[in-house]
PDB file of N, CA and C in Angstrom:
ATOM      1  N   MET A   1      14.082   1.681   5.910  1.00  0.00           N
ATOM      2  CA  MET A   1      12.583   2.945   6.652  1.00  0.00           C
ATOM      3  C   MET A   1      12.480   3.126   7.384  1.00  0.00           C
ATOM      4  N   SER A   2      12.797   2.272   8.380  1.00  0.00           N
ATOM      5  CA  SER A   2      11.743   2.707  10.163  1.00  0.00           C
ATOM      6  C   SER A   2      13.067   2.618  10.837  1.00  0.00           C
ATOM      7  N   SER A   3      14.338   2.403   9.875  1.00  0.00           N
ATOM      8  CA  SER A   3      15.409   2.317  11.308  1.00  0.00           C
ATOM      9  C   SER A   3      15.647   3.702  12.019  1.00  0.00           C
ATOM     10  N   ASP A   4      14.445   5.282  11.460  1.00  0.00           N
ATOM     11  CA  ASP A   4      14.963   6.077  12.288  1.00  0.00           C
ATOM     12  C   ASP A   4      13.764   6.363  12.710  1.00  0.00           C
ATOM     13  N   THR A   5      13.066   5.645  12.962  1.00  0.00           N
ATOM     14  CA  THR A   5      11.659   5.677  13.906  1.00  0.00           C
ATOM     15  C   THR A   5      11.045   4.921  14.802  1.00  0.00           C
ATOM     16  N   ASN A   6      10.609   5.542  15.839  1.00  0.00           N
ATOM     17  CA  ASN A   6       9.700   4.161  17.233  1.00  0.00           C
ATOM     18  C   ASN A   6       8.902   3.356  16.163  1.00  0.00           C
ATOM     19  N   THR A   7       8.133   3.492  14.644  1.00  0.00           N
ATOM     20  CA  THR A   7       7.165   2.700  14.253  1.00  0.00           C
ATOM     21  C   THR A   7       7.877   1.391  14.228  1.00  0.00           C
ATOM     22  N   ARG A   8       6.831   0.446  14.919  1.00  0.00           N
ATOM     23  CA  ARG A   8       6.817  -0.533  14.385  1.00  0.00           C
ATOM     24  C   ARG A   8       5.977  -1.348  13.219  1.00  0.00           C
ATOM     25  N   THR A   9       6.685  -2.059  12.641  1.00  0.00           N
ATOM     26  CA  THR A   9       6.612  -2.660  11.063  1.00  0.00           C
ATOM     27  C   THR A   9       6.322  -3.809  11.189  1.00  0.00           C
ATOM     28  N   ILE A  10       5.446  -4.954  10.818  1.00  0.00           N
ATOM     29  CA  ILE A  10       4.599  -6.360  10.696  1.00  0.00           C
ATOM     30  C   ILE A  10       4.703  -6.437   9.163  1.00  0.00           C
ATOM     31  N   VAL A  11       5.373  -7.634   9.367  1.00  0.00           N
ATOM     32  CA  VAL A  11       5.195  -8.321   7.677  1.00  0.00           C
ATOM     33  C   VAL A  11       4.986  -9.698   7.930  1.00  0.00           C
ATOM     34  N   GLU A  12       3.473  -9.784   6.853  1.00  0.00           N
ATOM     35  CA  GLU A  12       3.255 -11.228   6.910  1.00  0.00           C
ATOM     36  C   GLU A  12       2.597 -11.694   5.450  1.00  0.00           C
ATOM     37  N   VAL A  13       3.085 -12.802   5.395  1.00  0.00           N
ATOM     38  CA  VAL A  13       3.263 -13.645   4.072  1.00  0.00           C
ATOM     39  C   VAL A  13       2.356 -14.679   4.454  1.00  0.00           C
ATOM     40  N   VAL A  14       0.975 -14.728   3.264  1.00  0.00           N
ATOM     41  CA  VAL A  14      -0.132 -15.621   3.649  1.00  0.00           C
ATOM     42  C   VAL A  14      -0.159 -16.635   2.562  1.00  0.00           C
ATOM     43  N   GLY A  15       0.190 -17.826   2.508  1.00  0.00           N
ATOM     44  CA  GLY A  15       0.191 -18.624   0.606  1.00  0.00           C
ATOM     45  C   GLY A  15       1.927 -18.681   0.382  1.00  0.00           C
ATOM     46  N   THR A  16       2.244 -19.663  -1.012  1.00  0.00           N
ATOM     47  CA  THR A  16       2.692 -19.767  -1.071  1.00  0.00           C
ATOM     48  C   THR A  16       3.353 -18.717  -2.038  1.00  0.00           C
ATOM     49  N   ALA A  17       4.964 -18.077  -1.895  1.00  0.00           N
ATOM     50  CA  ALA A  17       5.161 -17.015  -3.079  1.00  0.00           C
ATOM     51  C   ALA A  17       5.176 -17.504  -4.450  1.00  0.00           C
ATOM     52  N   TYR A  18       5.013 -16.927  -5.385  1.00  0.00           N
ATOM     53  CA  TYR A  18       5.044 -17.285  -6.792  1.00  0.00           C
ATOM     54  C   TYR A  18       5.852 -15.415  -7.058  1.00  0.00           C
ATOM     55  N   SER A  19       6.091 -16.163  -8.657  1.00  0.00           N
ATOM     56  CA  SER A  19       7.298 -14.695  -9.092  1.00  0.00           C
ATOM     57  C   SER A  19       5.225 -13.941 -10.093  1.00  0.00           C
ATOM     58  N   LEU A  20       5.532 -13.009 -10.446  1.00  0.00           N
ATOM     59  CA  LEU A  20       4.308 -12.337 -11.398  1.00  0.00           C
ATOM     60  C   LEU A  20       5.923 -11.499 -12.661  1.00  0.00           C
ATOM     61  N   PRO A  21       5.138 -10.824 -13.712  1.00  0.00           N
ATOM     62  CA  PRO A  21       5.580 -10.299 -14.288  1.00  0.00           C
ATOM     63  C   PRO A  21       6.516  -9.715 -13.991  1.00  0.00           C
ATOM     64  N   LEU A  22       7.909  -9.181 -14.536  1.00  0.00           N
ATOM     65  CA  LEU A  22       8.467  -7.905 -14.146  1.00  0.00           C
ATOM     66  C   LEU A  22       7.936  -6.546 -13.817  1.00  0.00           C
ATOM     67  N   GLU A  23       7.504  -6.086 -14.551  1.00  0.00           N
ATOM     68  CA  GLU A  23       6.611  -5.071 -14.850  1.00  0.00           C
ATOM     69  C   GLU A  23       5.683  -4.560 -14.018  1.00  0.00           C
ATOM     70  N   VAL A  24       4.854  -5.914 -13.600  1.00  0.00           N
ATOM     71  CA  VAL A  24       3.660  -6.092 -12.599  1.00  0.00           C
ATOM     72  C   VAL A  24       4.463  -6.075 -11.109  1.00  0.00           C
ATOM     73  N   GLU A  25       5.642  -6.512 -10.714  1.00  0.00           N
ATOM     74  CA  GLU A  25       6.769  -6.963  -9.699  1.00  0.00           C
ATOM     75  C   GLU A  25       7.212  -5.214  -9.447  1.00  0.00           C
ATOM     76  N   ASN A  26       7.827  -4.950 -10.264  1.00  0.00           N
ATOM     77  CA  ASN A  26       8.216  -3.554 -10.312  1.00  0.00           C
ATOM     78  C   ASN A  26       7.236  -2.274 -10.195  1.00  0.00           C
ATOM     79  N   ASN A  27       6.179  -2.714 -10.144  1.00  0.00           N
ATOM     80  CA  ASN A  27       5.195  -1.184  -9.837  1.00  0.00           C
ATOM     81  C   ASN A  27       4.320  -2.015  -8.749  1.00  0.00           C
ATOM     82  N   LEU A  28       4.136  -3.110  -8.054  1.00  0.00           N
ATOM     83  CA  LEU A  28       3.613  -3.475  -7.149  1.00  0.00           C
ATOM     84  C   LEU A  28       4.802  -2.860  -5.827  1.00  0.00           C
ATOM     85  N   LEU A  29       6.405  -2.632  -6.080  1.00  0.00           N
ATOM     86  CA  LEU A  29       7.459  -2.520  -5.554  1.00  0.00           C
ATOM     87  C   LEU A  29       6.991  -1.209  -5.285  1.00  0.00           C
ATOM     88  N   ARG A  30       7.122  -0.385  -6.184  1.00  0.00           N
ATOM     89  CA  ARG A  30       6.702   1.079  -6.025  1.00  0.00           C
ATOM     90  C   ARG A  30       5.589   1.833  -5.461  1.00  0.00           C
ATOM     91  N   ILE A  31       4.440   1.034  -5.406  1.00  0.00           N
ATOM     92  CA  ILE A  31       3.204   1.095  -4.843  1.00  0.00           C
ATOM     93  C   ILE A  31       3.419   1.369  -3.333  1.00  0.00           C
ATOM     94  N   GLY A  32       4.233  -0.124  -2.896  1.00  0.00           N
ATOM     95  CA  GLY A  32       4.122  -0.607  -1.443  1.00  0.00           C
ATOM     96  C   GLY A  32       5.495   0.337  -1.009  1.00  0.00           C
ATOM     97  N   GLN A  33       6.510   1.087  -1.897  1.00  0.00           N
ATOM     98  CA  GLN A  33       7.135   1.780  -1.226  1.00  0.00           C
ATOM     99  C   GLN A  33       6.084   2.974  -0.963  1.00  0.00           C
ATOM    100  N   GLU A  34       5.522   3.739  -1.761  1.00  0.00           N
ATOM    101  CA  GLU A  34       4.883   4.888  -1.756  1.00  0.00           C
ATOM    102  C   GLU A  34       4.151   4.639  -0.897  1.00  0.00           C
ATOM    103  N   ALA A  35       3.692   3.791  -0.382  1.00  0.00           N
ATOM    104  CA  ALA A  35       2.130   3.536   1.187  1.00  0.00           C
ATOM    105  C   ALA A  35       3.080   3.398   1.896  1.00  0.00           C
ATOM    106  N   LEU A  36       4.406   2.854   2.127  1.00  0.00           N
ATOM    107  CA  LEU A  36       4.868   2.856   3.262  1.00  0.00           C
ATOM    108  C   LEU A  36       6.059   4.522   3.716  1.00  0.00           C
ATOM    109  N   THR A  37       6.359   5.050   2.672  1.00  0.00           N
ATOM    110  CA  THR A  37       6.518   6.519   2.779  1.00  0.00           C
ATOM    111  C   THR A  37       5.676   7.153   3.180  1.00  0.00           C
ATOM    112  N   ASN A  38       4.415   7.164   2.793  1.00  0.00           N
ATOM    113  CA  ASN A  38       3.625   8.165   3.665  1.00  0.00           C
ATOM    114  C   ASN A  38       3.023   7.592   4.741  1.00  0.00           C
ATOM    115  N   ALA A  39       3.182   6.592   5.057  1.00  0.00           N
ATOM    116  CA  ALA A  39       3.209   6.029   6.649  1.00  0.00           C
ATOM    117  C   ALA A  39       3.889   6.474   7.294  1.00  0.00           C
ATOM    118  N   PHE A  40       5.128   6.478   7.370  1.00  0.00           N
ATOM    119  CA  PHE A  40       6.198   6.836   7.790  1.00  0.00           C
ATOM    120  C   PHE A  40       6.227   8.486   8.229  1.00  0.00           C
ATOM    121  N   LYS A  41       6.126   9.294   6.744  1.00  0.00           N
ATOM    122  CA  LYS A  41       6.365  10.460   6.835  1.00  0.00           C
ATOM    123  C   LYS A  41       5.097  11.480   7.744  1.00  0.00           C
ATOM    124  N   TYR A  42       3.793  11.165   7.258  1.00  0.00           N
ATOM    125  CA  TYR A  42       2.738  11.774   7.337  1.00  0.00           C
ATOM    126  C   TYR A  42       1.548  11.453   8.502  1.00  0.00           C
ATOM    127  N   ALA A  43       1.885  10.047   8.749  1.00  0.00           N
ATOM    128  CA  ALA A  43       0.803   9.129   9.596  1.00  0.00           C
ATOM    129  C   ALA A  43       0.879   9.360  10.811  1.00  0.00           C
ATOM    130  N   LYS A  44       2.139   9.599  10.946  1.00  0.00           N
ATOM    131  CA  LYS A  44       2.494   9.493  12.775  1.00  0.00           C
ATOM    132  C   LYS A  44       1.945   7.920  13.539  1.00  0.00           C
ATOM    133  N   SER A  45       2.196   7.439  12.395  1.00  0.00           N
ATOM    134  CA  SER A  45       1.168   5.806  13.161  1.00  0.00           C
ATOM    135  C   SER A  45       2.755   5.243  14.348  1.00  0.00           C
ATOM    136  N   THR A  46       1.959   4.434  15.378  1.00  0.00           N
ATOM    137  CA  THR A  46       2.941   3.793  15.451  1.00  0.00           C
ATOM    138  C   THR A  46       3.478   2.100  15.102  1.00  0.00           C
ATOM    139  N   ASP A  47       2.204   1.409  14.452  1.00  0.00           N
ATOM    140  CA  ASP A  47       2.397   0.312  13.939  1.00  0.00           C
ATOM    141  C   ASP A  47       2.208   0.733  12.410  1.00  0.00           C
ATOM    142  N   ILE A  48       2.736  -0.368  11.546  1.00  0.00           N
ATOM    143  CA  ILE A  48       2.420  -0.814   9.782  1.00  0.00           C
ATOM    144  C   ILE A  48       2.587  -2.128  10.165  1.00  0.00           C
ATOM    145  N   LYS A  49       1.530  -2.503   9.196  1.00  0.00           N
ATOM    146  CA  LYS A  49       1.106  -3.628   8.885  1.00  0.00           C
ATOM    147  C   LYS A  49       1.201  -3.909   7.558  1.00  0.00           C
ATOM    148  N   ILE A  50       1.817  -5.235   7.043  1.00  0.00           N
ATOM    149  CA  ILE A  50       2.121  -5.304   5.414  1.00  0.00           C
ATOM    150  C   ILE A  50       2.129  -6.710   5.040  1.00  0.00           C
ATOM    151  N   HIS A  51       0.908  -7.092   4.325  1.00  0.00           N
ATOM    152  CA  HIS A  51       0.315  -8.363   4.071  1.00  0.00           C
ATOM    153  C   HIS A  51       0.808  -8.439   2.793  1.00  0.00           C
ATOM    154  N   LEU A  52       1.106 -10.124   2.502  1.00  0.00           N
ATOM    155  CA  LEU A  52       1.111 -10.138   1.123  1.00  0.00           C
ATOM    156  C   LEU A  52       0.407 -11.353   0.889  1.00  0.00           C
ATOM    157  N   VAL A  53      -0.435 -11.582   0.131  1.00  0.00           N
ATOM    158  CA  VAL A  53      -1.064 -12.325   0.107  1.00  0.00           C
ATOM    159  C   VAL A  53      -1.275 -13.501  -1.457  1.00  0.00           C
ATOM    160  N   TYR A  54      -0.763 -14.574  -1.185  1.00  0.00           N
ATOM    161  CA  TYR A  54      -0.912 -15.244  -2.491  1.00  0.00           C
ATOM    162  C   TYR A  54      -1.461 -16.169  -2.825  1.00  0.00           C
ATOM    163  N   GLU A  55      -2.645 -15.655  -3.600  1.00  0.00           N
ATOM    164  CA  GLU A  55      -3.967 -16.719  -3.849  1.00  0.00           C
ATOM    165  C   GLU A  55      -3.778 -17.680  -5.296  1.00  0.00           C
ATOM    166  N   THR A  56      -4.527 -18.359  -5.509  1.00  0.00           N
ATOM    167  CA  THR A  56      -4.174 -19.013  -6.423  1.00  0.00           C
ATOM    168  C   THR A  56      -4.478 -18.197  -7.696  1.00  0.00           C
ATOM    169  N   SER A  57      -5.813 -17.500  -7.910  1.00  0.00           N
ATOM    170  CA  SER A  57      -5.998 -16.439  -8.904  1.00  0.00           C
ATOM    171  C   SER A  57      -5.631 -15.166  -8.929  1.00  0.00           C
ATOM    172  N   LYS A  58      -5.085 -14.513  -7.664  1.00  0.00           N
ATOM    173  CA  LYS A  58      -4.796 -13.070  -7.547  1.00  0.00           C
ATOM    174  C   LYS A  58      -3.081 -12.847  -6.054  1.00  0.00           C
ATOM    175  N   PHE A  59      -2.837 -12.082  -6.260  1.00  0.00           N
ATOM    176  CA  PHE A  59      -1.829 -11.159  -5.811  1.00  0.00           C
ATOM    177  C   PHE A  59      -2.364 -10.409  -4.835  1.00  0.00           C
ATOM    178  N   ILE A  60      -2.251  -9.898  -3.738  1.00  0.00           N
ATOM    179  CA  ILE A  60      -2.900  -8.625  -2.958  1.00  0.00           C
ATOM    180  C   ILE A  60      -1.538  -8.026  -2.044  1.00  0.00           C
ATOM    181  N   LEU A  61      -2.082  -7.103  -2.093  1.00  0.00           N
ATOM    182  CA  LEU A  61      -0.388  -6.343  -0.914  1.00  0.00           C
ATOM    183  C   LEU A  61      -1.529  -5.802  -0.264  1.00  0.00           C
ATOM    184  N   GLN A  62      -0.859  -5.340   0.783  1.00  0.00           N
ATOM    185  CA  GLN A  62      -1.466  -4.478   1.811  1.00  0.00           C
ATOM    186  C   GLN A  62      -0.916  -3.764   2.615  1.00  0.00           C
ATOM    187  N   VAL A  63      -1.031  -2.788   2.924  1.00  0.00           N
ATOM    188  CA  VAL A  63      -0.053  -1.876   3.931  1.00  0.00           C
ATOM    189  C   VAL A  63      -1.267  -0.883   5.169  1.00  0.00           C
ATOM    190  N   LYS A  64      -1.182  -1.428   6.125  1.00  0.00           N
ATOM    191  CA  LYS A  64      -2.162  -0.756   6.825  1.00  0.00           C
ATOM    192  C   LYS A  64      -1.664  -0.433   8.087  1.00  0.00           C
ATOM    193  N   ASP A  65      -1.394   0.998   8.225  1.00  0.00           N
ATOM    194  CA  ASP A  65      -1.067   1.364   9.674  1.00  0.00           C
ATOM    195  C   ASP A  65      -2.325   2.017  10.513  1.00  0.00           C
ATOM    196  N   ASN A  66      -1.687   2.951  11.808  1.00  0.00           N
ATOM    197  CA  ASN A  66      -2.828   2.978  12.530  1.00  0.00           C
ATOM    198  C   ASN A  66      -2.304   4.671  12.868  1.00  0.00           C
ATOM    199  N   GLY A  67      -2.304   5.071  12.030  1.00  0.00           N
ATOM    200  CA  GLY A  67      -1.722   6.789  12.093  1.00  0.00           C
ATOM    201  C   GLY A  67      -2.998   7.672  12.244  1.00  0.00           C
ATOM    202  N   GLN A  68      -2.588   8.800  11.771  1.00  0.00           N
ATOM    203  CA  GLN A  68      -3.760   9.720  11.523  1.00  0.00           C
ATOM    204  C   GLN A  68      -5.149   9.617  10.759  1.00  0.00           C
ATOM    205  N   GLY A  69      -4.427   9.207   9.524  1.00  0.00           N
ATOM    206  CA  GLY A  69      -5.198   8.995   8.868  1.00  0.00           C
ATOM    207  C   GLY A  69      -5.634  10.441   8.110  1.00  0.00           C
ATOM    208  N   PHE A  70      -6.882   9.954   7.202  1.00  0.00           N
ATOM    209  CA  PHE A  70      -7.312  11.486   6.346  1.00  0.00           C
ATOM    210  C   PHE A  70      -8.609  11.331   5.959  1.00  0.00           C
ATOM    211  N   ASP A  71      -9.346  12.568   5.666  1.00  0.00           N
ATOM    212  CA  ASP A  71     -10.625  12.438   4.974  1.00  0.00           C
ATOM    213  C   ASP A  71     -10.192  12.028   3.234  1.00  0.00           C
ATOM    214  N   THR A  72     -10.734  10.980   2.695  1.00  0.00           N
ATOM    215  CA  THR A  72      -9.799  10.190   1.145  1.00  0.00           C
ATOM    216  C   THR A  72     -11.194  11.468   0.297  1.00  0.00           C
ATOM    217  N   GLU A  73     -12.192  11.995   0.984  1.00  0.00           N
ATOM    218  CA  GLU A  73     -13.032  12.935  -0.205  1.00  0.00           C
ATOM    219  C   GLU A  73     -12.622  13.758  -0.248  1.00  0.00           C
ATOM    220  N   SER A  74     -11.798  14.475   0.793  1.00  0.00           N
ATOM    221  CA  SER A  74     -11.383  15.813   0.673  1.00  0.00           C
ATOM    222  C   SER A  74     -10.113  15.905  -0.403  1.00  0.00           C
ATOM    223  N   ILE A  75      -9.308  14.558  -0.030  1.00  0.00           N
ATOM    224  CA  ILE A  75      -7.642  14.960  -1.024  1.00  0.00           C
ATOM    225  C   ILE A  75      -7.892  15.217  -2.027  1.00  0.00           C
ATOM    226  N   CYS A  76      -6.814  15.654  -3.052  1.00  0.00           N
ATOM    227  CA  CYS A  76      -6.951  15.562  -4.147  1.00  0.00           C
ATOM    228  C   CYS A  76      -5.761  15.304  -4.455  1.00  0.00           C
ATOM    229  N   PHE A  77      -5.979  13.796  -5.009  1.00  0.00           N
ATOM    230  CA  PHE A  77      -5.431  12.780  -5.766  1.00  0.00           C
ATOM    231  C   PHE A  77      -4.311  13.205  -6.980  1.00  0.00           C
ATOM    232  N   SER A  78      -4.089  14.669  -7.399  1.00  0.00           N
ATOM    233  CA  SER A  78      -3.423  15.074  -8.182  1.00  0.00           C
ATOM    234  C   SER A  78      -1.970  15.524  -7.743  1.00  0.00           C
ATOM    235  N   ASN A  79      -2.712  15.936  -6.338  1.00  0.00           N
ATOM    236  CA  ASN A  79      -0.954  17.221  -5.591  1.00  0.00           C
ATOM    237  C   ASN A  79      -1.205  16.039  -4.097  1.00  0.00           C
ATOM    238  N   GLY A  80      -1.446  15.188  -3.509  1.00  0.00           N
ATOM    239  CA  GLY A  80      -1.310  14.348  -2.516  1.00  0.00           C
ATOM    240  C   GLY A  80      -0.481  13.092  -2.464  1.00  0.00           C
ATOM    241  N   PHE A  81       0.139  13.186  -1.448  1.00  0.00           N
ATOM    242  CA  PHE A  81       0.804  12.234  -0.934  1.00  0.00           C
ATOM    243  C   PHE A  81       1.293  10.992  -1.728  1.00  0.00           C
ATOM    244  N   GLY A  82       1.342  11.201  -3.268  1.00  0.00           N
ATOM    245  CA  GLY A  82       2.275  10.323  -4.134  1.00  0.00           C
ATOM    246  C   GLY A  82       0.900   9.404  -4.426  1.00  0.00           C
ATOM    247  N   LEU A  83      -0.423   9.687  -4.103  1.00  0.00           N
ATOM    248  CA  LEU A  83      -1.502   8.904  -4.343  1.00  0.00           C
ATOM    249  C   LEU A  83      -1.873   8.912  -5.886  1.00  0.00           C
ATOM    250  N   LEU A  84      -1.892   9.834  -6.775  1.00  0.00           N
ATOM    251  CA  LEU A  84      -1.991  10.066  -8.509  1.00  0.00           C
ATOM    252  C   LEU A  84      -1.020   8.971  -8.565  1.00  0.00           C
ATOM    253  N   GLY A  85       0.109   8.577  -8.277  1.00  0.00           N
ATOM    254  CA  GLY A  85       1.620   7.809  -8.566  1.00  0.00           C
ATOM    255  C   GLY A  85       0.712   6.719  -8.496  1.00  0.00           C
ATOM    256  N   MET A  86       0.552   6.388  -7.521  1.00  0.00           N
ATOM    257  CA  MET A  86       0.123   4.655  -6.837  1.00  0.00           C
ATOM    258  C   MET A  86      -0.688   4.061  -8.317  1.00  0.00           C
ATOM    259  N   ARG A  87      -2.063   5.175  -8.413  1.00  0.00           N
ATOM    260  CA  ARG A  87      -3.302   4.842  -8.885  1.00  0.00           C
ATOM    261  C   ARG A  87      -3.072   5.041 -10.307  1.00  0.00           C
ATOM    262  N   GLU A  88      -1.759   5.641 -10.883  1.00  0.00           N
ATOM    263  CA  GLU A  88      -1.317   5.429 -12.016  1.00  0.00           C
ATOM    264  C   GLU A  88      -0.777   4.222 -12.472  1.00  0.00           C
ATOM    265  N   ARG A  89       0.262   3.745 -11.085  1.00  0.00           N
ATOM    266  CA  ARG A  89       1.158   2.475 -11.568  1.00  0.00           C
ATOM    267  C   ARG A  89      -0.051   1.659 -11.755  1.00  0.00           C
ATOM    268  N   ALA A  90      -1.211   1.850 -10.524  1.00  0.00           N
ATOM    269  CA  ALA A  90      -2.039   0.588 -10.625  1.00  0.00           C
ATOM    270  C   ALA A  90      -2.543   0.288 -11.708  1.00  0.00           C
ATOM    271  N   GLY A  91      -2.983   1.541 -12.464  1.00  0.00           N
ATOM    272  CA  GLY A  91      -3.258   1.413 -13.691  1.00  0.00           C
ATOM    273  C   GLY A  91      -2.968   0.785 -14.789  1.00  0.00           C
ATOM    274  N   ARG A  92      -1.786   0.996 -15.005  1.00  0.00           N
ATOM    275  CA  ARG A  92      -0.695   0.216 -15.886  1.00  0.00           C
ATOM    276  C   ARG A  92      -0.667  -1.659 -16.099  1.00  0.00           C
ATOM    277  N   ILE A  93      -0.889  -1.760 -14.906  1.00  0.00           N
ATOM    278  CA  ILE A  93      -0.897  -3.126 -14.578  1.00  0.00           C
ATOM    279  C   ILE A  93      -2.467  -4.014 -14.216  1.00  0.00           C
ATOM    280  N   ASN A  94      -3.182  -2.936 -14.532  1.00  0.00           N
ATOM    281  CA  ASN A  94      -4.552  -3.632 -14.328  1.00  0.00           C
ATOM    282  C   ASN A  94      -4.774  -4.001 -13.202  1.00  0.00           C
ATOM    283  N   ALA A  95      -4.502  -3.409 -12.064  1.00  0.00           N
ATOM    284  CA  ALA A  95      -4.468  -3.594 -10.741  1.00  0.00           C
ATOM    285  C   ALA A  95      -6.115  -2.752 -10.322  1.00  0.00           C
ATOM    286  N   GLN A  96      -6.111  -3.192  -9.425  1.00  0.00           N
ATOM    287  CA  GLN A  96      -7.357  -2.691  -8.516  1.00  0.00           C
ATOM    288  C   GLN A  96      -6.579  -2.251  -7.058  1.00  0.00           C
ATOM    289  N   LEU A  97      -6.767  -0.493  -6.903  1.00  0.00           N
ATOM    290  CA  LEU A  97      -6.379   0.031  -6.200  1.00  0.00           C
ATOM    291  C   LEU A  97      -7.437   0.800  -4.703  1.00  0.00           C
ATOM    292  N   ASP A  98      -7.238   0.309  -3.606  1.00  0.00           N
ATOM    293  CA  ASP A  98      -8.195   0.710  -2.591  1.00  0.00           C
ATOM    294  C   ASP A  98      -7.159   1.402  -1.853  1.00  0.00           C
ATOM    295  N   ILE A  99      -7.850   2.884  -1.369  1.00  0.00           N
ATOM    296  CA  ILE A  99      -6.993   3.844  -0.333  1.00  0.00           C
ATOM    297  C   ILE A  99      -8.138   3.768   0.752  1.00  0.00           C
ATOM    298  N   ASN A 100      -7.982   3.445   1.753  1.00  0.00           N
ATOM    299  CA  ASN A 100      -9.533   3.561   2.645  1.00  0.00           C
ATOM    300  C   ASN A 100      -8.767   4.198   3.952  1.00  0.00           C
ATOM    301  N   SER A 101      -9.452   5.537   4.606  1.00  0.00           N
ATOM    302  CA  SER A 101      -8.980   6.113   5.948  1.00  0.00           C
ATOM    303  C   SER A 101      -9.541   7.235   6.023  1.00  0.00           C
ATOM    304  N   GLN A 102      -9.825   7.344   7.416  1.00  0.00           N
ATOM    305  CA  GLN A 102     -10.872   8.453   7.862  1.00  0.00           C
ATOM    306  C   GLN A 102      -9.698   9.088   8.674  1.00  0.00           C
ATOM    307  N   PRO A 103      -9.758  10.691   9.667  1.00  0.00           N
ATOM    308  CA  PRO A 103      -9.162  11.153  10.406  1.00  0.00           C
ATOM    309  C   PRO A 103      -9.303  10.394  11.184  1.00  0.00           C
ATOM    310  N   GLY A 104      -8.118  10.073  11.934  1.00  0.00           N
ATOM    311  CA  GLY A 104      -8.229   9.180  13.869  1.00  0.00           C
ATOM    312  C   GLY A 104      -8.031   7.698  13.226  1.00  0.00           C
ATOM    313  N   GLU A 105      -8.289   7.243  12.788  1.00  0.00           N
ATOM    314  CA  GLU A 105      -8.594   6.520  11.958  1.00  0.00           C
ATOM    315  C   GLU A 105      -7.535   5.161  11.451  1.00  0.00           C
ATOM    316  N   GLY A 106      -6.204   6.011  10.885  1.00  0.00           N
ATOM    317  CA  GLY A 106      -5.178   5.098  10.306  1.00  0.00           C
ATOM    318  C   GLY A 106      -5.140   5.382   8.711  1.00  0.00           C
ATOM    319  N   THR A 107      -4.823   4.197   8.029  1.00  0.00           N
ATOM    320  CA  THR A 107      -4.994   4.507   6.434  1.00  0.00           C
ATOM    321  C   THR A 107      -4.903   2.807   6.099  1.00  0.00           C
ATOM    322  N   GLU A 108      -5.464   2.091   5.291  1.00  0.00           N
ATOM    323  CA  GLU A 108      -4.745   0.951   4.389  1.00  0.00           C
ATOM    324  C   GLU A 108      -4.988   1.176   2.863  1.00  0.00           C
ATOM    325  N   VAL A 109      -4.186   0.796   2.669  1.00  0.00           N
ATOM    326  CA  VAL A 109      -3.896   0.673   0.882  1.00  0.00           C
ATOM    327  C   VAL A 109      -3.590  -0.698   0.801  1.00  0.00           C
ATOM    328  N   ILE A 110      -4.624  -1.005  -0.303  1.00  0.00           N
ATOM    329  CA  ILE A 110      -4.970  -2.279  -0.951  1.00  0.00           C
ATOM    330  C   ILE A 110      -4.706  -2.474  -2.240  1.00  0.00           C
ATOM    331  N   ILE A 111      -3.919  -3.607  -2.776  1.00  0.00           N
ATOM    332  CA  ILE A 111      -3.338  -3.148  -4.275  1.00  0.00           C
ATOM    333  C   ILE A 111      -3.638  -4.863  -4.654  1.00  0.00           C
ATOM    334  N   SER A 112      -4.656  -5.221  -5.475  1.00  0.00           N
ATOM    335  CA  SER A 112      -4.908  -6.744  -5.926  1.00  0.00           C
ATOM    336  C   SER A 112      -4.686  -6.434  -7.168  1.00  0.00           C
ATOM    337  N   ILE A 113      -4.141  -7.994  -7.123  1.00  0.00           N
ATOM    338  CA  ILE A 113      -4.532  -8.187  -9.619  1.00  0.00           C
ATOM    339  C   ILE A 113      -4.174  -9.655  -9.750  1.00  0.00           C
ATOM    340  N   ASN A 114      -5.332  -9.727 -10.861  1.00  0.00           N
ATOM    341  CA  ASN A 114      -5.295 -11.061 -10.673  1.00  0.00           C
ATOM    342  C   ASN A 114      -4.116 -11.498 -11.694  1.00  0.00           C
ATOM    343  N   ARG A 115      -4.188 -12.933 -11.360  1.00  0.00           N
ATOM    344  CA  ARG A 115      -2.646 -13.522 -11.975  1.00  0.00           C
ATOM    345  C   ARG A 115      -3.014 -14.361 -13.358  1.00  0.00           C
ATOM    346  N   GLU A 116      -2.115 -14.323 -13.909  1.00  0.00           N
ATOM    347  CA  GLU A 116      -2.684 -14.497 -15.576  1.00  0.00           C
ATOM    348  C   GLU A 116      -1.890 -15.808 -15.830  1.00  0.00           C
TER     349      GLU A 116
END
């Protein structure tokens, strides 16, 4: 994704990786892809950080950029930047999705799911 840009992408894995159910992994992948696509296409960021956190009781995926950000209060989740799709996917797997952003402050997408 980043080969055509000057955006620096940093990936950090915390903890020992473990498998999750296939449906969970597939939805996490799609949410992560959408978050990265948004960061590359819309954020105009120079850095994107991806954290995969493997805790004993939960898994956390965080995608954070230093781009232009947006006002989360004014964006319509039904037609903006694939955000509705991310929320729907999180709901399918009983995960919590948090999207934090402010104009000029970048965007952070955090999805966490309890390990069964």
